[in-house]
Amino acid sequence: MSAYESTPVPGDAGGPLAAVAAGDADGAHTEGNPDEPHAVLAALAAHGPRYRIGLGTPPDGAPDWLAADRLLDPYGPDLSRLLDTEHQGSGHRTAHAAALTLIAVYAGRVTAAAVLHWALTGRVLDVRPENVLLRPDPGHGIASVRMRTFRILDGPGPSAETLQHAVLARHLLPLADALRKRTRAGLRQLRGGVAHGCATALAASHADPELLARRWTAFLDGAPGGLAALGDVVTVTRRDGTPRLVYLRRTCCLFYTSAEAVRCVSCCLTSRDERIAAYTARS
């Protein structure tokens, strides 16, 4: 068994978890053991749609789900399907541009709940690729995410290292490598998308920005892939007076070459001051 042992948490994919798996947990309040799957998944879903995770294998007749571990084969049919769906949905001109956008939205959705749960509790959900299923969005990005089994990972070191292992070393960075081999997209740009997606997993939540900024620093400490050099987080104040953590990229995802033909707010082709002003102007 790996040094990162999987500790199953009480609960199963049926019964009281059905509403959570179906995405009906927004705003739900649960009582009892906070480590029970229903409580954990409901609390995460309350932070927003990107943090919704279903549980268990999808029912028969749902062939549109992909196994995350099969995406790590650069020439396999599963990665082809995911990449082609993003390419067509976003209207990118090239496959490598689609890959750069894909890795960012993937990291900002598929592993987002694990990053946020760690930031808030210090515990790591098992989002290693062999435990994750996902459904592409025909328009753009990832529509749904499921864990085969609900587990909390116990690592041999600090919890940040366990998260880095599960999210980066085992999942997102190997996917970036597969996309590089498949499309010849630049590895630095792909890893920039990984960093952007992971930062967005924190910044998109309603949690305290100061706490999230500290947790982002802890997540980057010793992280593989050189992610610390690919962007930074800052706190801005919205027009309504509330603070928000935002991420400023140093790599480009080429989204401006998509059918939308617009730069993302975090685009490194826009000056730092302009990006901060744009984030501040958002309600």
C-alpha atoms as a PDB file:
ATOM      1  CA  MET A   1       0.000   0.000   0.000  1.00  0.00           C
ATOM      2  CA  SER A   2       1.162   3.550  -0.696  1.00  0.00           C
ATOM      3  CA  ALA A   3       2.572   5.653   2.112  1.00  0.00           C
ATOM      4  CA  TYR A   4      -0.530   7.773   1.534  1.00  0.00           C
ATOM      5  CA  GLU A   5      -3.074   5.423   3.081  1.00  0.00           C
ATOM      6  CA  SER A   6      -6.744   5.688   2.176  1.00  0.00           C
ATOM      7  CA  THR A   7      -8.997   5.877   5.220  1.00  0.00           C
ATOM      8  CA  PRO A   8     -12.617   5.165   4.250  1.00  0.00           C
ATOM      9  CA  VAL A   9     -15.096   7.399   6.056  1.00  0.00           C
ATOM     10  CA  PRO A  10     -18.445   5.936   7.187  1.00  0.00           C
ATOM     11  CA  GLY A  11     -21.182   6.201   4.591  1.00  0.00           C
ATOM     12  CA  ASP A  12     -22.076   4.801   1.217  1.00  0.00           C
ATOM     13  CA  ALA A  13     -23.240   6.003  -2.170  1.00  0.00           C
ATOM     14  CA  GLY A  14     -26.940   5.359  -1.549  1.00  0.00           C
ATOM     15  CA  GLY A  15     -29.639   6.461   0.859  1.00  0.00           C
ATOM     16  CA  PRO A  16     -29.018   9.900   2.408  1.00  0.00           C
ATOM     17  CA  LEU A  17     -26.230  10.648  -0.075  1.00  0.00           C
ATOM     18  CA  ALA A  18     -28.531  10.593  -3.069  1.00  0.00           C
ATOM     19  CA  ALA A  19     -29.355  14.304  -2.848  1.00  0.00           C
ATOM     20  CA  VAL A  20     -25.696  15.240  -2.569  1.00  0.00           C
ATOM     21  CA  ALA A  21     -24.711  13.074  -5.517  1.00  0.00           C
ATOM     22  CA  ALA A  22     -27.465  14.653  -7.568  1.00  0.00           C
ATOM     23  CA  GLY A  23     -26.195  18.145  -6.825  1.00  0.00           C
ATOM     24  CA  ASP A  24     -29.050  19.172  -4.487  1.00  0.00           C
ATOM     25  CA  ALA A  25     -26.885  20.078  -1.506  1.00  0.00           C
ATOM     26  CA  ASP A  26     -26.597  23.870  -1.981  1.00  0.00           C
ATOM     27  CA  GLY A  27     -27.320  25.596   1.292  1.00  0.00           C
ATOM     28  CA  ALA A  28     -27.917  22.316   3.115  1.00  0.00           C
ATOM     29  CA  HIS A  29     -27.251  22.117   6.852  1.00  0.00           C
ATOM     30  CA  THR A  30     -26.246  18.820   8.381  1.00  0.00           C
ATOM     31  CA  GLU A  31     -25.699  17.617  11.918  1.00  0.00           C
ATOM     32  CA  GLY A  32     -23.692  14.823  13.430  1.00  0.00           C
ATOM     33  CA  ASN A  33     -20.229  13.616  12.540  1.00  0.00           C
ATOM     34  CA  PRO A  34     -18.610  16.281  10.307  1.00  0.00           C
ATOM     35  CA  ASP A  35     -16.528  13.562   8.628  1.00  0.00           C
ATOM     36  CA  GLU A  36     -19.585  11.747   7.272  1.00  0.00           C
ATOM     37  CA  PRO A  37     -19.794  11.987   3.486  1.00  0.00           C
ATOM     38  CA  HIS A  38     -23.140  13.758   3.479  1.00  0.00           C
ATOM     39  CA  ALA A  39     -21.910  16.488   5.813  1.00  0.00           C
ATOM     40  CA  VAL A  40     -18.650  17.024   3.956  1.00  0.00           C
ATOM     41  CA  LEU A  41     -20.147  17.089   0.468  1.00  0.00           C
ATOM     42  CA  ALA A  42     -23.058  19.301   1.489  1.00  0.00           C
ATOM     43  CA  ALA A  43     -20.723  21.812   3.151  1.00  0.00           C
ATOM     44  CA  LEU A  44     -18.542  21.953   0.041  1.00  0.00           C
ATOM     45  CA  ALA A  45     -21.497  22.323  -2.325  1.00  0.00           C
ATOM     46  CA  ALA A  46     -22.698  25.284  -0.273  1.00  0.00           C
ATOM     47  CA  HIS A  47     -19.608  27.183  -1.477  1.00  0.00           C
ATOM     48  CA  GLY A  48     -20.764  27.019  -5.093  1.00  0.00           C
ATOM     49  CA  PRO A  49     -21.372  24.715  -8.073  1.00  0.00           C
ATOM     50  CA  ARG A  50     -17.684  24.065  -8.777  1.00  0.00           C
ATOM     51  CA  TYR A  51     -17.384  22.255  -5.432  1.00  0.00           C
ATOM     52  CA  ARG A  52     -20.209  19.777  -6.013  1.00  0.00           C
ATOM     53  CA  ILE A  53     -19.059  16.161  -6.022  1.00  0.00           C
ATOM     54  CA  GLY A  54     -21.236  13.109  -6.535  1.00  0.00           C
ATOM     55  CA  LEU A  55     -20.427   9.757  -5.014  1.00  0.00           C
ATOM     56  CA  GLY A  56     -20.277   6.290  -6.479  1.00  0.00           C
ATOM     57  CA  THR A  57     -20.244   4.902 -10.003  1.00  0.00           C
ATOM     58  CA  PRO A  58     -22.817   6.513 -12.310  1.00  0.00           C
ATOM     59  CA  PRO A  59     -25.812   4.320 -13.183  1.00  0.00           C
ATOM     60  CA  ASP A  60     -25.792   2.146 -16.277  1.00  0.00           C
ATOM     61  CA  GLY A  61     -26.712   4.055 -19.375  1.00  0.00           C
ATOM     62  CA  ALA A  62     -24.435   7.018 -18.554  1.00  0.00           C
ATOM     63  CA  PRO A  63     -21.622   6.493 -21.090  1.00  0.00           C
ATOM     64  CA  ASP A  64     -20.590  10.142 -21.106  1.00  0.00           C
ATOM     65  CA  TRP A  65     -18.550   9.762 -17.890  1.00  0.00           C
ATOM     66  CA  LEU A  66     -14.757   9.474 -18.134  1.00  0.00           C
ATOM     67  CA  ALA A  67     -12.355   7.852 -15.667  1.00  0.00           C
ATOM     68  CA  ALA A  68      -9.685  10.370 -14.679  1.00  0.00           C
ATOM     69  CA  ASP A  69      -6.892   7.803 -14.575  1.00  0.00           C
ATOM     70  CA  ARG A  70      -7.538   6.898 -18.220  1.00  0.00           C
ATOM     71  CA  LEU A  71      -6.945  10.537 -19.196  1.00  0.00           C
ATOM     72  CA  LEU A  72      -3.263  10.143 -18.345  1.00  0.00           C
ATOM     73  CA  ASP A  73      -2.667   8.118 -21.515  1.00  0.00           C
ATOM     74  CA  PRO A  74      -1.691  10.853 -24.001  1.00  0.00           C
ATOM     75  CA  TYR A  75      -2.949   8.874 -26.992  1.00  0.00           C
ATOM     76  CA  GLY A  76      -5.890   7.127 -25.358  1.00  0.00           C
ATOM     77  CA  PRO A  77      -9.517   7.577 -26.460  1.00  0.00           C
ATOM     78  CA  ASP A  78     -10.593   9.176 -23.189  1.00  0.00           C
ATOM     79  CA  LEU A  79      -8.177  12.093 -23.416  1.00  0.00           C
ATOM     80  CA  SER A  80      -9.072  12.433 -27.101  1.00  0.00           C
ATOM     81  CA  ARG A  81     -12.720  12.760 -26.220  1.00  0.00           C
ATOM     82  CA  LEU A  82     -12.134  15.275 -23.426  1.00  0.00           C
ATOM     83  CA  LEU A  83      -9.817  17.384 -25.570  1.00  0.00           C
ATOM     84  CA  ASP A  84     -12.070  17.226 -28.618  1.00  0.00           C
ATOM     85  CA  THR A  85     -15.083  18.263 -26.548  1.00  0.00           C
ATOM     86  CA  GLU A  86     -13.223  21.305 -25.219  1.00  0.00           C
ATOM     87  CA  HIS A  87     -11.793  22.117 -28.650  1.00  0.00           C
ATOM     88  CA  GLN A  88     -15.225  22.118 -30.278  1.00  0.00           C
ATOM     89  CA  GLY A  89     -17.083  23.703 -27.383  1.00  0.00           C
ATOM     90  CA  SER A  90     -14.686  26.612 -26.896  1.00  0.00           C
ATOM     91  CA  GLY A  91     -14.108  27.146 -30.604  1.00  0.00           C
ATOM     92  CA  HIS A  92     -10.331  27.239 -30.260  1.00  0.00           C
ATOM     93  CA  ARG A  93      -8.317  27.396 -33.467  1.00  0.00           C
ATOM     94  CA  THR A  94      -5.731  24.811 -32.411  1.00  0.00           C
ATOM     95  CA  ALA A  95      -5.566  21.711 -30.238  1.00  0.00           C
ATOM     96  CA  HIS A  96      -2.716  23.113 -28.152  1.00  0.00           C
ATOM     97  CA  ALA A  97      -4.754  26.219 -27.316  1.00  0.00           C
ATOM     98  CA  ALA A  98      -7.667  23.991 -26.327  1.00  0.00           C
ATOM     99  CA  ALA A  99      -5.287  22.016 -24.094  1.00  0.00           C
ATOM    100  CA  LEU A 100      -4.162  25.162 -22.266  1.00  0.00           C
ATOM    101  CA  THR A 101      -7.732  26.213 -21.576  1.00  0.00           C
ATOM    102  CA  LEU A 102      -8.726  22.661 -20.661  1.00  0.00           C
ATOM    103  CA  ILE A 103      -6.073  22.163 -17.982  1.00  0.00           C
ATOM    104  CA  ALA A 104      -7.072  25.388 -16.227  1.00  0.00           C
ATOM    105  CA  VAL A 105     -10.805  24.635 -16.147  1.00  0.00           C
ATOM    106  CA  TYR A 106     -10.064  21.016 -15.203  1.00  0.00           C
ATOM    107  CA  ALA A 107      -7.927  22.036 -12.215  1.00  0.00           C
ATOM    108  CA  GLY A 108     -10.522  24.622 -11.234  1.00  0.00           C
ATOM    109  CA  ARG A 109     -13.324  22.039 -11.163  1.00  0.00           C
ATOM    110  CA  VAL A 110     -12.234  18.397 -10.845  1.00  0.00           C
ATOM    111  CA  THR A 111      -9.917  18.806  -7.833  1.00  0.00           C
ATOM    112  CA  ALA A 112     -11.374  22.085  -6.527  1.00  0.00           C
ATOM    113  CA  ALA A 113     -13.372  20.535  -3.689  1.00  0.00           C
ATOM    114  CA  ALA A 114     -10.310  18.739  -2.342  1.00  0.00           C
ATOM    115  CA  VAL A 115      -8.223  21.922  -2.371  1.00  0.00           C
ATOM    116  CA  LEU A 116     -10.920  23.923  -0.580  1.00  0.00           C
ATOM    117  CA  HIS A 117     -11.700  21.161   1.926  1.00  0.00           C
ATOM    118  CA  TRP A 118      -8.024  20.991   2.843  1.00  0.00           C
ATOM    119  CA  ALA A 119      -7.825  24.778   3.172  1.00  0.00           C
ATOM    120  CA  LEU A 120     -10.754  24.831   5.572  1.00  0.00           C
ATOM    121  CA  THR A 121     -10.176  21.640   7.551  1.00  0.00           C
ATOM    122  CA  GLY A 122      -6.609  20.440   6.958  1.00  0.00           C
ATOM    123  CA  ARG A 123      -7.969  17.136   5.630  1.00  0.00           C
ATOM    124  CA  VAL A 124      -7.494  15.713   2.142  1.00  0.00           C
ATOM    125  CA  LEU A 125     -10.234  14.132   0.052  1.00  0.00           C
ATOM    126  CA  ASP A 126      -9.121  11.260  -2.156  1.00  0.00           C
ATOM    127  CA  VAL A 127      -9.136  12.837  -5.610  1.00  0.00           C
ATOM    128  CA  ARG A 128      -6.351  10.683  -6.950  1.00  0.00           C
ATOM    129  CA  PRO A 129      -7.238   9.917 -10.572  1.00  0.00           C
ATOM    130  CA  GLU A 130      -8.175   6.286  -9.989  1.00  0.00           C
ATOM    131  CA  ASN A 131     -10.931   7.483  -7.618  1.00  0.00           C
ATOM    132  CA  VAL A 132     -12.389  10.213  -9.851  1.00  0.00           C
ATOM    133  CA  LEU A 133     -14.952  10.217 -12.645  1.00  0.00           C
ATOM    134  CA  LEU A 134     -15.929  13.286 -14.661  1.00  0.00           C
ATOM    135  CA  ARG A 135     -18.358  14.331 -17.352  1.00  0.00           C
ATOM    136  CA  PRO A 136     -17.256  16.899 -19.962  1.00  0.00           C
ATOM    137  CA  ASP A 137     -19.443  19.912 -20.658  1.00  0.00           C
ATOM    138  CA  PRO A 138     -20.303  20.058 -24.380  1.00  0.00           C
ATOM    139  CA  GLY A 139     -20.069  23.834 -24.205  1.00  0.00           C
ATOM    140  CA  HIS A 140     -16.881  24.393 -22.211  1.00  0.00           C
ATOM    141  CA  GLY A 141     -15.202  22.811 -19.213  1.00  0.00           C
ATOM    142  CA  ILE A 142     -16.331  20.032 -16.875  1.00  0.00           C
ATOM    143  CA  ALA A 143     -20.010  19.496 -16.150  1.00  0.00           C
ATOM    144  CA  SER A 144     -19.884  17.011 -13.242  1.00  0.00           C
ATOM    145  CA  VAL A 145     -17.420  15.231 -10.959  1.00  0.00           C
ATOM    146  CA  ARG A 146     -17.786  12.088  -8.861  1.00  0.00           C
ATOM    147  CA  MET A 147     -15.617  10.119  -6.442  1.00  0.00           C
ATOM    148  CA  ARG A 148     -15.916   6.355  -6.707  1.00  0.00           C
ATOM    149  CA  THR A 149     -15.460   6.024  -2.936  1.00  0.00           C
ATOM    150  CA  PHE A 150     -15.402   8.681  -0.235  1.00  0.00           C
ATOM    151  CA  ARG A 151     -12.033   8.607   1.520  1.00  0.00           C
ATOM    152  CA  ILE A 152      -9.861  10.902   3.607  1.00  0.00           C
ATOM    153  CA  LEU A 153      -6.154  10.480   2.852  1.00  0.00           C
ATOM    154  CA  ASP A 154      -3.657  10.164   5.710  1.00  0.00           C
ATOM    155  CA  GLY A 155      -0.122  10.951   4.593  1.00  0.00           C
ATOM    156  CA  PRO A 156       3.229  10.419   6.324  1.00  0.00           C
ATOM    157  CA  GLY A 157       3.890  14.177   6.567  1.00  0.00           C
ATOM    158  CA  PRO A 158       2.039  17.485   6.876  1.00  0.00           C
ATOM    159  CA  SER A 159      -1.377  17.628   5.245  1.00  0.00           C
ATOM    160  CA  ALA A 160      -0.125  20.047   2.568  1.00  0.00           C
ATOM    161  CA  GLU A 161       2.242  17.338   1.345  1.00  0.00           C
ATOM    162  CA  THR A 162      -0.620  14.848   1.186  1.00  0.00           C
ATOM    163  CA  LEU A 163      -2.646  17.324  -0.876  1.00  0.00           C
ATOM    164  CA  GLN A 164       0.292  17.990  -3.193  1.00  0.00           C
ATOM    165  CA  HIS A 165       0.694  14.253  -3.691  1.00  0.00           C
ATOM    166  CA  ALA A 166      -2.978  13.578  -4.448  1.00  0.00           C
ATOM    167  CA  VAL A 167      -3.800  16.689  -6.477  1.00  0.00           C
ATOM    168  CA  LEU A 168      -0.515  17.596  -8.162  1.00  0.00           C
ATOM    169  CA  ALA A 169       1.958  14.684  -8.288  1.00  0.00           C
ATOM    170  CA  ARG A 170      -0.659  12.014  -8.997  1.00  0.00           C
ATOM    171  CA  HIS A 171      -3.323  13.897 -10.936  1.00  0.00           C
ATOM    172  CA  LEU A 172      -2.911  17.369 -12.444  1.00  0.00           C
ATOM    173  CA  LEU A 173       0.785  17.351 -13.366  1.00  0.00           C
ATOM    174  CA  PRO A 174       0.598  13.929 -15.096  1.00  0.00           C
ATOM    175  CA  LEU A 175      -2.445  15.213 -16.998  1.00  0.00           C
ATOM    176  CA  ALA A 176      -0.439  18.282 -18.045  1.00  0.00           C
ATOM    177  CA  ASP A 177       2.328  15.970 -19.257  1.00  0.00           C
ATOM    178  CA  ALA A 178      -0.182  13.922 -21.263  1.00  0.00           C
ATOM    179  CA  LEU A 179      -1.608  17.059 -22.877  1.00  0.00           C
ATOM    180  CA  ARG A 180       1.907  18.239 -23.738  1.00  0.00           C
ATOM    181  CA  LYS A 181       2.684  14.964 -25.490  1.00  0.00           C
ATOM    182  CA  ARG A 182      -0.661  14.942 -27.267  1.00  0.00           C
ATOM    183  CA  THR A 183      -0.776  18.572 -28.456  1.00  0.00           C
ATOM    184  CA  ARG A 184       2.766  19.926 -28.014  1.00  0.00           C
ATOM    185  CA  ALA A 185       1.404  22.689 -25.800  1.00  0.00           C
ATOM    186  CA  GLY A 186       4.142  24.285 -23.697  1.00  0.00           C
ATOM    187  CA  LEU A 187       4.745  22.575 -20.363  1.00  0.00           C
ATOM    188  CA  ARG A 188       5.216  25.884 -18.515  1.00  0.00           C
ATOM    189  CA  GLN A 189       1.915  27.174 -19.891  1.00  0.00           C
ATOM    190  CA  LEU A 190       0.150  23.926 -18.964  1.00  0.00           C
ATOM    191  CA  ARG A 191       1.512  24.089 -15.435  1.00  0.00           C
ATOM    192  CA  GLY A 192       0.435  27.714 -15.308  1.00  0.00           C
ATOM    193  CA  GLY A 193      -3.086  26.453 -15.959  1.00  0.00           C
ATOM    194  CA  VAL A 194      -2.695  23.972 -13.106  1.00  0.00           C
ATOM    195  CA  ALA A 195      -1.649  26.787 -10.763  1.00  0.00           C
ATOM    196  CA  HIS A 196      -4.476  29.024 -11.962  1.00  0.00           C
ATOM    197  CA  GLY A 197      -7.099  26.305 -11.490  1.00  0.00           C
ATOM    198  CA  CYS A 198      -5.883  25.398  -8.005  1.00  0.00           C
ATOM    199  CA  ALA A 199      -5.815  29.065  -6.964  1.00  0.00           C
ATOM    200  CA  THR A 200      -9.307  29.534  -8.371  1.00  0.00           C
ATOM    201  CA  ALA A 201     -10.432  26.577  -6.270  1.00  0.00           C
ATOM    202  CA  LEU A 202      -9.685  28.772  -3.259  1.00  0.00           C
ATOM    203  CA  ALA A 203     -10.537  32.213  -4.630  1.00  0.00           C
ATOM    204  CA  ALA A 204     -14.002  31.214  -5.901  1.00  0.00           C
ATOM    205  CA  SER A 205     -15.207  30.224  -2.442  1.00  0.00           C
ATOM    206  CA  HIS A 206     -16.895  32.415   0.159  1.00  0.00           C
ATOM    207  CA  ALA A 207     -14.241  31.696   2.770  1.00  0.00           C
ATOM    208  CA  ASP A 208     -12.046  34.320   4.457  1.00  0.00           C
ATOM    209  CA  PRO A 209      -9.531  35.652   1.883  1.00  0.00           C
ATOM    210  CA  GLU A 210      -6.791  36.061   4.503  1.00  0.00           C
ATOM    211  CA  LEU A 211      -7.105  32.417   5.503  1.00  0.00           C
ATOM    212  CA  LEU A 212      -7.150  31.334   1.868  1.00  0.00           C
ATOM    213  CA  ALA A 213      -4.019  33.359   1.087  1.00  0.00           C
ATOM    214  CA  ARG A 214      -2.167  31.671   3.948  1.00  0.00           C
ATOM    215  CA  ARG A 215      -3.318  28.266   2.798  1.00  0.00           C
ATOM    216  CA  TRP A 216      -2.253  29.036  -0.782  1.00  0.00           C
ATOM    217  CA  THR A 217       1.251  29.819   0.478  1.00  0.00           C
ATOM    218  CA  ALA A 218       1.297  26.545   2.421  1.00  0.00           C
ATOM    219  CA  PHE A 219       0.083  24.627  -0.627  1.00  0.00           C
ATOM    220  CA  LEU A 220       2.877  26.059  -2.784  1.00  0.00           C
ATOM    221  CA  ASP A 221       5.625  25.384  -0.234  1.00  0.00           C
ATOM    222  CA  GLY A 222       7.684  22.602  -1.777  1.00  0.00           C
ATOM    223  CA  ALA A 223       5.034  21.871  -4.395  1.00  0.00           C
ATOM    224  CA  PRO A 224       6.235  20.032  -7.523  1.00  0.00           C
ATOM    225  CA  GLY A 225       6.086  21.615 -10.951  1.00  0.00           C
ATOM    226  CA  GLY A 226       7.457  25.046 -10.052  1.00  0.00           C
ATOM    227  CA  LEU A 227       3.938  26.413  -9.546  1.00  0.00           C
ATOM    228  CA  ALA A 228       5.012  29.157  -7.140  1.00  0.00           C
ATOM    229  CA  ALA A 229       6.705  31.078  -9.959  1.00  0.00           C
ATOM    230  CA  LEU A 230       3.708  31.030 -12.296  1.00  0.00           C
ATOM    231  CA  GLY A 231       1.496  33.641 -10.623  1.00  0.00           C
ATOM    232  CA  ASP A 232       0.466  35.144  -7.313  1.00  0.00           C
ATOM    233  CA  VAL A 233      -2.638  35.905  -5.278  1.00  0.00           C
ATOM    234  CA  VAL A 234      -3.799  39.322  -4.106  1.00  0.00           C
ATOM    235  CA  THR A 235      -6.818  40.471  -2.122  1.00  0.00           C
ATOM    236  CA  VAL A 236      -9.080  43.059  -3.727  1.00  0.00           C
ATOM    237  CA  THR A 237     -12.132  44.877  -2.388  1.00  0.00           C
ATOM    238  CA  ARG A 238     -15.302  44.608  -4.434  1.00  0.00           C
ATOM    239  CA  ARG A 239     -17.633  47.522  -5.012  1.00  0.00           C
ATOM    240  CA  ASP A 240     -19.887  46.193  -2.257  1.00  0.00           C
ATOM    241  CA  GLY A 241     -16.988  46.408   0.204  1.00  0.00           C
ATOM    242  CA  THR A 242     -16.348  42.685   0.556  1.00  0.00           C
ATOM    243  CA  PRO A 243     -12.820  41.293   0.114  1.00  0.00           C
ATOM    244  CA  ARG A 244     -11.950  38.697  -2.473  1.00  0.00           C
ATOM    245  CA  LEU A 245      -8.813  36.691  -3.196  1.00  0.00           C
ATOM    246  CA  VAL A 246      -7.819  36.703  -6.883  1.00  0.00           C
ATOM    247  CA  TYR A 247      -5.033  35.082  -8.890  1.00  0.00           C
ATOM    248  CA  LEU A 248      -2.789  36.922 -11.343  1.00  0.00           C
ATOM    249  CA  ARG A 249      -1.269  34.609 -13.941  1.00  0.00           C
ATOM    250  CA  ARG A 250       2.198  34.796 -15.454  1.00  0.00           C
ATOM    251  CA  THR A 251       1.346  32.364 -18.250  1.00  0.00           C
ATOM    252  CA  CYS A 252      -1.309  32.542 -20.968  1.00  0.00           C
ATOM    253  CA  CYS A 253      -4.116  30.019 -21.552  1.00  0.00           C
ATOM    254  CA  LEU A 254      -4.769  31.398 -25.084  1.00  0.00           C
ATOM    255  CA  PHE A 255      -8.481  31.737 -24.328  1.00  0.00           C
ATOM    256  CA  TYR A 256      -8.485  34.921 -26.392  1.00  0.00           C
ATOM    257  CA  THR A 257      -8.010  32.673 -29.448  1.00  0.00           C
ATOM    258  CA  SER A 258     -11.302  30.888 -28.708  1.00  0.00           C
ATOM    259  CA  ALA A 259     -14.625  31.706 -30.332  1.00  0.00           C
ATOM    260  CA  GLU A 260     -15.305  34.212 -27.533  1.00  0.00           C
ATOM    261  CA  ALA A 261     -12.164  36.139 -28.550  1.00  0.00           C
ATOM    262  CA  VAL A 262     -11.759  37.777 -25.126  1.00  0.00           C
ATOM    263  CA  ARG A 263      -8.985  37.764 -22.582  1.00  0.00           C
ATOM    264  CA  CYS A 264      -9.736  36.212 -19.223  1.00  0.00           C
ATOM    265  CA  VAL A 265      -9.613  38.648 -16.300  1.00  0.00           C
ATOM    266  CA  SER A 266      -6.396  37.061 -15.030  1.00  0.00           C
ATOM    267  CA  CYS A 267      -4.665  37.194 -18.439  1.00  0.00           C
ATOM    268  CA  CYS A 268      -0.944  37.911 -18.268  1.00  0.00           C
ATOM    269  CA  LEU A 269      -1.229  39.898 -21.521  1.00  0.00           C
ATOM    270  CA  THR A 270      -3.072  42.555 -19.514  1.00  0.00           C
ATOM    271  CA  SER A 271      -1.136  44.732 -17.080  1.00  0.00           C
ATOM    272  CA  ARG A 272      -1.206  43.868 -13.396  1.00  0.00           C
ATOM    273  CA  ASP A 273      -2.903  47.158 -12.483  1.00  0.00           C
ATOM    274  CA  GLU A 274      -5.607  46.620 -15.111  1.00  0.00           C
ATOM    275  CA  ARG A 275      -6.305  43.125 -13.858  1.00  0.00           C
ATOM    276  CA  ILE A 276      -6.591  44.252 -10.258  1.00  0.00           C
ATOM    277  CA  ALA A 277      -8.902  47.081 -11.324  1.00  0.00           C
ATOM    278  CA  ALA A 278     -11.063  44.678 -13.296  1.00  0.00           C
ATOM    279  CA  TYR A 279     -11.393  42.316 -10.365  1.00  0.00           C
ATOM    280  CA  THR A 280     -12.148  45.227  -8.027  1.00  0.00           C
ATOM    281  CA  ALA A 281     -14.919  46.454 -10.330  1.00  0.00           C
ATOM    282  CA  ARG A 282     -16.749  43.148 -10.176  1.00  0.00           C
ATOM    283  CA  SER A 283     -19.789  43.120  -7.925  1.00  0.00           C
END
